[in-house]
Amino acid sequence: MAQASIKNFQLLRRSYAVGAEKMKMQAVALAALRVQVLAHDKEKEAFWMRDPKTGNWIPENHFGDIDVAELREKLLSRNTNVNRN
């Protein structure tokens, strides 16, 4: 009887050690992930300024980008008086 309770105690102790080790690894992985996310967010920060052409507010790293709506307006004709058969 005493032998059985000793084996159960050892099994319980091993189980706890394995569970504690897994939790420690998860905590380390989560901390590393948080550092990566924070570093990525810092890279994405941009100062907002007024576009000299339009006067609209845009991030400073988007100067020179072409707006799709403006490009469509520029390239597509607006002739609606075309006779369609």
PDB file of N, CA and C in Angstrom:
ATOM      1  N   MET A   1       0.819  -1.187   0.000  1.00  0.00           N
ATOM      2  CA  MET A   1       0.000   0.000   0.000  1.00  0.00           C
ATOM      3  C   MET A   1       0.871   1.262   0.000  1.00  0.00           C
ATOM      4  N   ALA A   2       1.891   1.256   0.861  1.00  0.00           N
ATOM      5  CA  ALA A   2       2.789   2.406   0.934  1.00  0.00           C
ATOM      6  C   ALA A   2       3.538   2.583  -0.378  1.00  0.00           C
ATOM      7  N   GLN A   3       3.890   1.479  -1.021  1.00  0.00           N
ATOM      8  CA  GLN A   3       4.608   1.521  -2.304  1.00  0.00           C
ATOM      9  C   GLN A   3       3.732   2.178  -3.382  1.00  0.00           C
ATOM     10  N   ALA A   4       2.433   1.882  -3.389  1.00  0.00           N
ATOM     11  CA  ALA A   4       1.513   2.448  -4.384  1.00  0.00           C
ATOM     12  C   ALA A   4       1.375   3.958  -4.204  1.00  0.00           C
ATOM     13  N   SER A   5       1.295   4.426  -2.959  1.00  0.00           N
ATOM     14  CA  SER A   5       1.140   5.869  -2.736  1.00  0.00           C
ATOM     15  C   SER A   5       2.420   6.617  -3.097  1.00  0.00           C
ATOM     16  N   ILE A   6       3.578   5.991  -2.920  1.00  0.00           N
ATOM     17  CA  ILE A   6       4.845   6.621  -3.313  1.00  0.00           C
ATOM     18  C   ILE A   6       4.905   6.763  -4.829  1.00  0.00           C
ATOM     19  N   LYS A   7       4.490   5.721  -5.565  1.00  0.00           N
ATOM     20  CA  LYS A   7       4.485   5.790  -7.034  1.00  0.00           C
ATOM     21  C   LYS A   7       3.507   6.854  -7.525  1.00  0.00           C
ATOM     22  N   ASN A   8       2.331   6.941  -6.879  1.00  0.00           N
ATOM     23  CA  ASN A   8       1.356   7.961  -7.259  1.00  0.00           C
ATOM     24  C   ASN A   8       1.908   9.361  -7.014  1.00  0.00           C
ATOM     25  N   PHE A   9       2.604   9.542  -5.894  1.00  0.00           N
ATOM     26  CA  PHE A   9       3.198  10.829  -5.584  1.00  0.00           C
ATOM     27  C   PHE A   9       4.264  11.200  -6.616  1.00  0.00           C
ATOM     28  N   GLN A  10       5.105  10.236  -7.003  1.00  0.00           N
ATOM     29  CA  GLN A  10       6.142  10.492  -7.992  1.00  0.00           C
ATOM     30  C   GLN A  10       5.534  10.830  -9.348  1.00  0.00           C
ATOM     31  N   LEU A  11       4.471  10.121  -9.704  1.00  0.00           N
ATOM     32  CA  LEU A  11       3.788  10.396 -10.964  1.00  0.00           C
ATOM     33  C   LEU A  11       3.181  11.801 -10.951  1.00  0.00           C
ATOM     34  N   LEU A  12       2.565  12.166  -9.848  1.00  0.00           N
ATOM     35  CA  LEU A  12       1.981  13.496  -9.702  1.00  0.00           C
ATOM     36  C   LEU A  12       3.057  14.568  -9.788  1.00  0.00           C
ATOM     37  N   ARG A  13       4.184  14.318  -9.150  1.00  0.00           N
ATOM     38  CA  ARG A  13       5.292  15.270  -9.165  1.00  0.00           C
ATOM     39  C   ARG A  13       5.838  15.463 -10.577  1.00  0.00           C
ATOM     40  N   ARG A  14       5.987  14.374 -11.326  1.00  0.00           N
ATOM     41  CA  ARG A  14       6.461  14.472 -12.713  1.00  0.00           C
ATOM     42  C   ARG A  14       5.460  15.224 -13.580  1.00  0.00           C
ATOM     43  N   SER A  15       4.190  14.929 -13.377  1.00  0.00           N
ATOM     44  CA  SER A  15       3.147  15.602 -14.165  1.00  0.00           C
ATOM     45  C   SER A  15       3.179  17.104 -13.916  1.00  0.00           C
ATOM     46  N   TYR A  16       3.344  17.482 -12.662  1.00  0.00           N
ATOM     47  CA  TYR A  16       3.412  18.898 -12.327  1.00  0.00           C
ATOM     48  C   TYR A  16       4.632  19.543 -12.977  1.00  0.00           C
ATOM     49  N   ALA A  17       5.764  18.855 -12.960  1.00  0.00           N
ATOM     50  CA  ALA A  17       6.997  19.402 -13.538  1.00  0.00           C
ATOM     51  C   ALA A  17       6.831  19.615 -15.041  1.00  0.00           C
ATOM     52  N   VAL A  18       6.199  18.666 -15.712  1.00  0.00           N
ATOM     53  CA  VAL A  18       5.994  18.798 -17.158  1.00  0.00           C
ATOM     54  C   VAL A  18       5.057  19.967 -17.444  1.00  0.00           C
ATOM     55  N   GLY A  19       3.977  20.059 -16.682  1.00  0.00           N
ATOM     56  CA  GLY A  19       3.025  21.155 -16.877  1.00  0.00           C
ATOM     57  C   GLY A  19       3.653  22.507 -16.607  1.00  0.00           C
ATOM     58  N   ALA A  20       4.468  22.593 -15.571  1.00  0.00           N
ATOM     59  CA  ALA A  20       5.131  23.852 -15.239  1.00  0.00           C
ATOM     60  C   ALA A  20       6.119  24.246 -16.334  1.00  0.00           C
ATOM     61  N   GLU A  21       6.828  23.277 -16.890  1.00  0.00           N
ATOM     62  CA  GLU A  21       7.777  23.568 -17.970  1.00  0.00           C
ATOM     63  C   GLU A  21       7.052  24.073 -19.215  1.00  0.00           C
ATOM     64  N   LYS A  22       5.907  23.478 -19.534  1.00  0.00           N
ATOM     65  CA  LYS A  22       5.130  23.932 -20.697  1.00  0.00           C
ATOM     66  C   LYS A  22       4.641  25.365 -20.496  1.00  0.00           C
ATOM     67  N   MET A  23       4.186  25.670 -19.300  1.00  0.00           N
ATOM     68  CA  MET A  23       3.708  27.021 -19.010  1.00  0.00           C
ATOM     69  C   MET A  23       4.850  28.033 -19.114  1.00  0.00           C
ATOM     70  N   LYS A  24       6.036  27.646 -18.676  1.00  0.00           N
ATOM     71  CA  LYS A  24       7.193  28.539 -18.762  1.00  0.00           C
ATOM     72  C   LYS A  24       7.547  28.810 -20.227  1.00  0.00           C
ATOM     73  N   MET A  25       7.505  27.760 -21.062  1.00  0.00           N
ATOM     74  CA  MET A  25       7.813  27.938 -22.482  1.00  0.00           C
ATOM     75  C   MET A  25       6.767  28.819 -23.156  1.00  0.00           C
ATOM     76  N   GLN A  26       5.499  28.660 -22.784  1.00  0.00           N
ATOM     77  CA  GLN A  26       4.448  29.492 -23.363  1.00  0.00           C
ATOM     78  C   GLN A  26       4.632  30.948 -22.979  1.00  0.00           C
ATOM     79  N   ALA A  27       5.025  31.196 -21.745  1.00  0.00           N
ATOM     80  CA  ALA A  27       5.242  32.570 -21.293  1.00  0.00           C
ATOM     81  C   ALA A  27       6.394  33.217 -22.054  1.00  0.00           C
ATOM     82  N   VAL A  28       7.461  32.478 -22.273  1.00  0.00           N
ATOM     83  CA  VAL A  28       8.608  33.006 -23.018  1.00  0.00           C
ATOM     84  C   VAL A  28       8.213  33.279 -24.468  1.00  0.00           C
ATOM     85  N   ALA A  29       7.464  32.368 -25.072  1.00  0.00           N
ATOM     86  CA  ALA A  29       7.032  32.554 -26.465  1.00  0.00           C
ATOM     87  C   ALA A  29       6.099  33.753 -26.577  1.00  0.00           C
ATOM     88  N   LEU A  30       5.212  33.933 -25.623  1.00  0.00           N
ATOM     89  CA  LEU A  30       4.283  35.065 -25.642  1.00  0.00           C
ATOM     90  C   LEU A  30       5.041  36.375 -25.486  1.00  0.00           C
ATOM     91  N   ALA A  31       6.037  36.407 -24.626  1.00  0.00           N
ATOM     92  CA  ALA A  31       6.833  37.618 -24.444  1.00  0.00           C
ATOM     93  C   ALA A  31       7.588  37.960 -25.724  1.00  0.00           C
ATOM     94  N   ALA A  32       8.134  36.966 -26.394  1.00  0.00           N
ATOM     95  CA  ALA A  32       8.849  37.208 -27.654  1.00  0.00           C
ATOM     96  C   ALA A  32       7.890  37.726 -28.719  1.00  0.00           C
ATOM     97  N   LEU A  33       6.688  37.202 -28.762  1.00  0.00           N
ATOM     98  CA  LEU A  33       5.693  37.641 -29.733  1.00  0.00           C
ATOM     99  C   LEU A  33       5.293  39.092 -29.477  1.00  0.00           C
ATOM    100  N   ARG A  34       5.144  39.459 -28.209  1.00  0.00           N
ATOM    101  CA  ARG A  34       4.801  40.842 -27.878  1.00  0.00           C
ATOM    102  C   ARG A  34       5.896  41.802 -28.319  1.00  0.00           C
ATOM    103  N   VAL A  35       7.143  41.423 -28.146  1.00  0.00           N
ATOM    104  CA  VAL A  35       8.253  42.275 -28.565  1.00  0.00           C
ATOM    105  C   VAL A  35       8.224  42.460 -30.081  1.00  0.00           C
ATOM    106  N   GLN A  36       7.940  41.396 -30.817  1.00  0.00           N
ATOM    107  CA  GLN A  36       7.868  41.500 -32.272  1.00  0.00           C
ATOM    108  C   GLN A  36       6.736  42.418 -32.701  1.00  0.00           C
ATOM    109  N   VAL A  37       5.586  42.298 -32.054  1.00  0.00           N
ATOM    110  CA  VAL A  37       4.435  43.129 -32.414  1.00  0.00           C
ATOM    111  C   VAL A  37       4.738  44.593 -32.127  1.00  0.00           C
ATOM    112  N   LEU A  38       5.337  44.882 -30.990  1.00  0.00           N
ATOM    113  CA  LEU A  38       5.667  46.262 -30.659  1.00  0.00           C
ATOM    114  C   LEU A  38       6.682  46.841 -31.632  1.00  0.00           C
ATOM    115  N   ALA A  39       7.668  46.046 -32.019  1.00  0.00           N
ATOM    116  CA  ALA A  39       8.669  46.522 -32.980  1.00  0.00           C
ATOM    117  C   ALA A  39       8.016  46.776 -34.339  1.00  0.00           C
ATOM    118  N   HIS A  40       7.086  45.924 -34.731  1.00  0.00           N
ATOM    119  CA  HIS A  40       6.401  46.089 -36.010  1.00  0.00           C
ATOM    120  C   HIS A  40       5.521  47.340 -35.991  1.00  0.00           C
ATOM    121  N   ASP A  41       4.866  47.614 -34.861  1.00  0.00           N
ATOM    122  CA  ASP A  41       4.031  48.806 -34.752  1.00  0.00           C
ATOM    123  C   ASP A  41       4.869  50.082 -34.831  1.00  0.00           C
ATOM    124  N   LYS A  42       6.051  50.055 -34.265  1.00  0.00           N
ATOM    125  CA  LYS A  42       6.928  51.224 -34.331  1.00  0.00           C
ATOM    126  C   LYS A  42       7.339  51.515 -35.779  1.00  0.00           C
ATOM    127  N   GLU A  43       7.557  50.466 -36.565  1.00  0.00           N
ATOM    128  CA  GLU A  43       7.937  50.652 -37.962  1.00  0.00           C
ATOM    129  C   GLU A  43       6.802  51.272 -38.764  1.00  0.00           C
ATOM    130  N   LYS A  44       5.565  50.953 -38.413  1.00  0.00           N
ATOM    131  CA  LYS A  44       4.425  51.418 -39.178  1.00  0.00           C
ATOM    132  C   LYS A  44       4.022  52.846 -38.831  1.00  0.00           C
ATOM    133  N   GLU A  45       4.518  53.396 -37.742  1.00  0.00           N
ATOM    134  CA  GLU A  45       4.155  54.757 -37.382  1.00  0.00           C
ATOM    135  C   GLU A  45       4.714  55.723 -38.408  1.00  0.00           C
ATOM    136  N   ALA A  46       3.884  56.663 -38.808  1.00  0.00           N
ATOM    137  CA  ALA A  46       4.325  57.665 -39.769  1.00  0.00           C
ATOM    138  C   ALA A  46       3.743  59.014 -39.372  1.00  0.00           C
ATOM    139  N   PHE A  47       4.479  60.034 -39.644  1.00  0.00           N
ATOM    140  CA  PHE A  47       4.027  61.383 -39.369  1.00  0.00           C
ATOM    141  C   PHE A  47       3.045  61.799 -40.453  1.00  0.00           C
ATOM    142  N   TRP A  48       1.920  62.397 -40.054  1.00  0.00           N
ATOM    143  CA  TRP A  48       0.909  62.824 -41.022  1.00  0.00           C
ATOM    144  C   TRP A  48       1.134  64.294 -41.356  1.00  0.00           C
ATOM    145  N   MET A  49       1.089  64.597 -42.644  1.00  0.00           N
ATOM    146  CA  MET A  49       1.249  65.969 -43.107  1.00  0.00           C
ATOM    147  C   MET A  49       0.287  66.238 -44.258  1.00  0.00           C
ATOM    148  N   ARG A  50       0.128  67.489 -44.575  1.00  0.00           N
ATOM    149  CA  ARG A  50      -0.759  67.859 -45.672  1.00  0.00           C
ATOM    150  C   ARG A  50      -0.056  67.637 -47.006  1.00  0.00           C
ATOM    151  N   ASP A  51      -0.812  67.058 -47.949  1.00  0.00           N
ATOM    152  CA  ASP A  51      -0.309  66.881 -49.304  1.00  0.00           C
ATOM    153  C   ASP A  51      -0.288  68.249 -49.975  1.00  0.00           C
ATOM    154  N   PRO A  52       0.834  68.664 -50.552  1.00  0.00           N
ATOM    155  CA  PRO A  52       0.904  70.000 -51.162  1.00  0.00           C
ATOM    156  C   PRO A  52      -0.054  70.173 -52.349  1.00  0.00           C
ATOM    157  N   LYS A  53      -0.354  69.093 -53.055  1.00  0.00           N
ATOM    158  CA  LYS A  53      -1.225  69.206 -54.232  1.00  0.00           C
ATOM    159  C   LYS A  53      -2.696  69.287 -53.852  1.00  0.00           C
ATOM    160  N   THR A  54      -3.139  68.401 -52.966  1.00  0.00           N
ATOM    161  CA  THR A  54      -4.566  68.308 -52.654  1.00  0.00           C
ATOM    162  C   THR A  54      -4.944  68.991 -51.352  1.00  0.00           C
ATOM    163  N   GLY A  55      -4.014  69.131 -50.433  1.00  0.00           N
ATOM    164  CA  GLY A  55      -4.326  69.707 -49.141  1.00  0.00           C
ATOM    165  C   GLY A  55      -4.876  68.693 -48.156  1.00  0.00           C
ATOM    166  N   ASN A  56      -5.035  67.448 -48.589  1.00  0.00           N
ATOM    167  CA  ASN A  56      -5.533  66.398 -47.714  1.00  0.00           C
ATOM    168  C   ASN A  56      -4.402  65.884 -46.827  1.00  0.00           C
ATOM    169  N   TRP A  57      -4.774  65.330 -45.654  1.00  0.00           N
ATOM    170  CA  TRP A  57      -3.787  64.764 -44.745  1.00  0.00           C
ATOM    171  C   TRP A  57      -3.430  63.354 -45.197  1.00  0.00           C
ATOM    172  N   ILE A  58      -2.126  63.091 -45.340  1.00  0.00           N
ATOM    173  CA  ILE A  58      -1.639  61.760 -45.721  1.00  0.00           C
ATOM    174  C   ILE A  58      -0.379  61.451 -44.909  1.00  0.00           C
ATOM    175  N   PRO A  59      -0.060  60.164 -44.720  1.00  0.00           N
ATOM    176  CA  PRO A  59       1.197  59.826 -44.048  1.00  0.00           C
ATOM    177  C   PRO A  59       2.380  60.263 -44.911  1.00  0.00           C
ATOM    178  N   GLU A  60       3.446  60.693 -44.253  1.00  0.00           N
ATOM    179  CA  GLU A  60       4.576  61.224 -45.020  1.00  0.00           C
ATOM    180  C   GLU A  60       5.254  60.167 -45.890  1.00  0.00           C
ATOM    181  N   ASN A  61       5.055  58.876 -45.578  1.00  0.00           N
ATOM    182  CA  ASN A  61       5.673  57.846 -46.410  1.00  0.00           C
ATOM    183  C   ASN A  61       4.798  57.489 -47.616  1.00  0.00           C
ATOM    184  N   HIS A  62       3.702  58.240 -47.853  1.00  0.00           N
ATOM    185  CA  HIS A  62       2.838  57.996 -49.004  1.00  0.00           C
ATOM    186  C   HIS A  62       2.897  59.115 -50.032  1.00  0.00           C
ATOM    187  N   PHE A  63       3.849  60.033 -49.908  1.00  0.00           N
ATOM    188  CA  PHE A  63       3.980  61.067 -50.924  1.00  0.00           C
ATOM    189  C   PHE A  63       4.368  60.427 -52.242  1.00  0.00           C
ATOM    190  N   GLY A  64       3.740  60.860 -53.298  1.00  0.00           N
ATOM    191  CA  GLY A  64       4.030  60.302 -54.612  1.00  0.00           C
ATOM    192  C   GLY A  64       3.138  59.135 -54.991  1.00  0.00           C
ATOM    193  N   ASP A  65       2.346  58.611 -54.055  1.00  0.00           N
ATOM    194  CA  ASP A  65       1.410  57.541 -54.394  1.00  0.00           C
ATOM    195  C   ASP A  65       0.268  58.116 -55.223  1.00  0.00           C
ATOM    196  N   ILE A  66      -0.218  57.327 -56.147  1.00  0.00           N
ATOM    197  CA  ILE A  66      -1.312  57.752 -57.014  1.00  0.00           C
ATOM    198  C   ILE A  66      -2.621  57.228 -56.446  1.00  0.00           C
ATOM    199  N   ASP A  67      -3.572  58.126 -56.289  1.00  0.00           N
ATOM    200  CA  ASP A  67      -4.887  57.739 -55.810  1.00  0.00           C
ATOM    201  C   ASP A  67      -5.650  57.080 -56.951  1.00  0.00           C
ATOM    202  N   VAL A  68      -6.260  55.940 -56.677  1.00  0.00           N
ATOM    203  CA  VAL A  68      -6.953  55.173 -57.704  1.00  0.00           C
ATOM    204  C   VAL A  68      -8.127  55.966 -58.278  1.00  0.00           C
ATOM    205  N   ALA A  69      -8.871  56.647 -57.435  1.00  0.00           N
ATOM    206  CA  ALA A  69     -10.020  57.421 -57.910  1.00  0.00           C
ATOM    207  C   ALA A  69      -9.572  58.560 -58.827  1.00  0.00           C
ATOM    208  N   GLU A  70      -8.488  59.224 -58.457  1.00  0.00           N
ATOM    209  CA  GLU A  70      -7.981  60.303 -59.312  1.00  0.00           C
ATOM    210  C   GLU A  70      -7.473  59.757 -60.631  1.00  0.00           C
ATOM    211  N   LEU A  71      -6.815  58.629 -60.619  1.00  0.00           N
ATOM    212  CA  LEU A  71      -6.317  58.023 -61.850  1.00  0.00           C
ATOM    213  C   LEU A  71      -7.465  57.609 -62.763  1.00  0.00           C
ATOM    214  N   ARG A  72      -8.516  57.028 -62.188  1.00  0.00           N
ATOM    215  CA  ARG A  72      -9.684  56.624 -62.968  1.00  0.00           C
ATOM    216  C   ARG A  72     -10.334  57.849 -63.617  1.00  0.00           C
ATOM    217  N   GLU A  73     -10.475  58.928 -62.852  1.00  0.00           N
ATOM    218  CA  GLU A  73     -11.076  60.151 -63.375  1.00  0.00           C
ATOM    219  C   GLU A  73     -10.229  60.741 -64.495  1.00  0.00           C
ATOM    220  N   LYS A  74      -8.945  60.628 -64.365  1.00  0.00           N
ATOM    221  CA  LYS A  74      -8.030  61.190 -65.345  1.00  0.00           C
ATOM    222  C   LYS A  74      -8.030  60.390 -66.644  1.00  0.00           C
ATOM    223  N   LEU A  75      -8.085  59.052 -66.548  1.00  0.00           N
ATOM    224  CA  LEU A  75      -7.913  58.211 -67.726  1.00  0.00           C
ATOM    225  C   LEU A  75      -9.210  57.803 -68.427  1.00  0.00           C
ATOM    226  N   LEU A  76     -10.286  57.661 -67.714  1.00  0.00           N
ATOM    227  CA  LEU A  76     -11.529  57.232 -68.328  1.00  0.00           C
ATOM    228  C   LEU A  76     -12.314  58.441 -68.827  1.00  0.00           C
ATOM    229  N   SER A  77     -12.860  58.293 -70.012  1.00  0.00           N
ATOM    230  CA  SER A  77     -13.617  59.414 -70.565  1.00  0.00           C
ATOM    231  C   SER A  77     -14.983  59.489 -69.908  1.00  0.00           C
ATOM    232  N   ARG A  78     -15.530  60.685 -69.914  1.00  0.00           N
ATOM    233  CA  ARG A  78     -16.849  60.906 -69.318  1.00  0.00           C
ATOM    234  C   ARG A  78     -17.904  61.143 -70.383  1.00  0.00           C
ATOM    235  N   ASN A  79     -17.630  60.852 -71.584  1.00  0.00           N
ATOM    236  CA  ASN A  79     -18.561  61.116 -72.680  1.00  0.00           C
ATOM    237  C   ASN A  79     -19.768  60.200 -72.543  1.00  0.00           C
ATOM    238  N   THR A  80     -20.903  60.786 -72.131  1.00  0.00           N
ATOM    239  CA  THR A  80     -22.121  60.006 -71.967  1.00  0.00           C
ATOM    240  C   THR A  80     -23.089  60.210 -73.126  1.00  0.00           C
ATOM    241  N   ASN A  81     -22.716  61.051 -74.116  1.00  0.00           N
ATOM    242  CA  ASN A  81     -23.583  61.344 -75.259  1.00  0.00           C
ATOM    243  C   ASN A  81     -23.310  60.421 -76.429  1.00  0.00           C
ATOM    244  N   VAL A  82     -22.702  59.315 -76.199  1.00  0.00           N
ATOM    245  CA  VAL A  82     -22.375  58.374 -77.260  1.00  0.00           C
ATOM    246  C   VAL A  82     -23.651  57.656 -77.662  1.00  0.00           C
ATOM    247  N   ASN A  83     -23.901  57.561 -78.968  1.00  0.00           N
ATOM    248  CA  ASN A  83     -25.084  56.885 -79.491  1.00  0.00           C
ATOM    249  C   ASN A  83     -24.839  55.378 -79.471  1.00  0.00           C
ATOM    250  N   ARG A  84     -25.640  54.676 -78.729  1.00  0.00           N
ATOM    251  CA  ARG A  84     -25.468  53.219 -78.643  1.00  0.00           C
ATOM    252  C   ARG A  84     -26.587  52.534 -79.399  1.00  0.00           C
ATOM    253  N   ASN A  85     -26.251  51.586 -80.235  1.00  0.00           N
ATOM    254  CA  ASN A  85     -27.265  50.860 -81.007  1.00  0.00           C
ATOM    255  C   ASN A  85     -27.529  49.517 -80.438  1.00  0.00           C
TER     256      ASN A  85
END
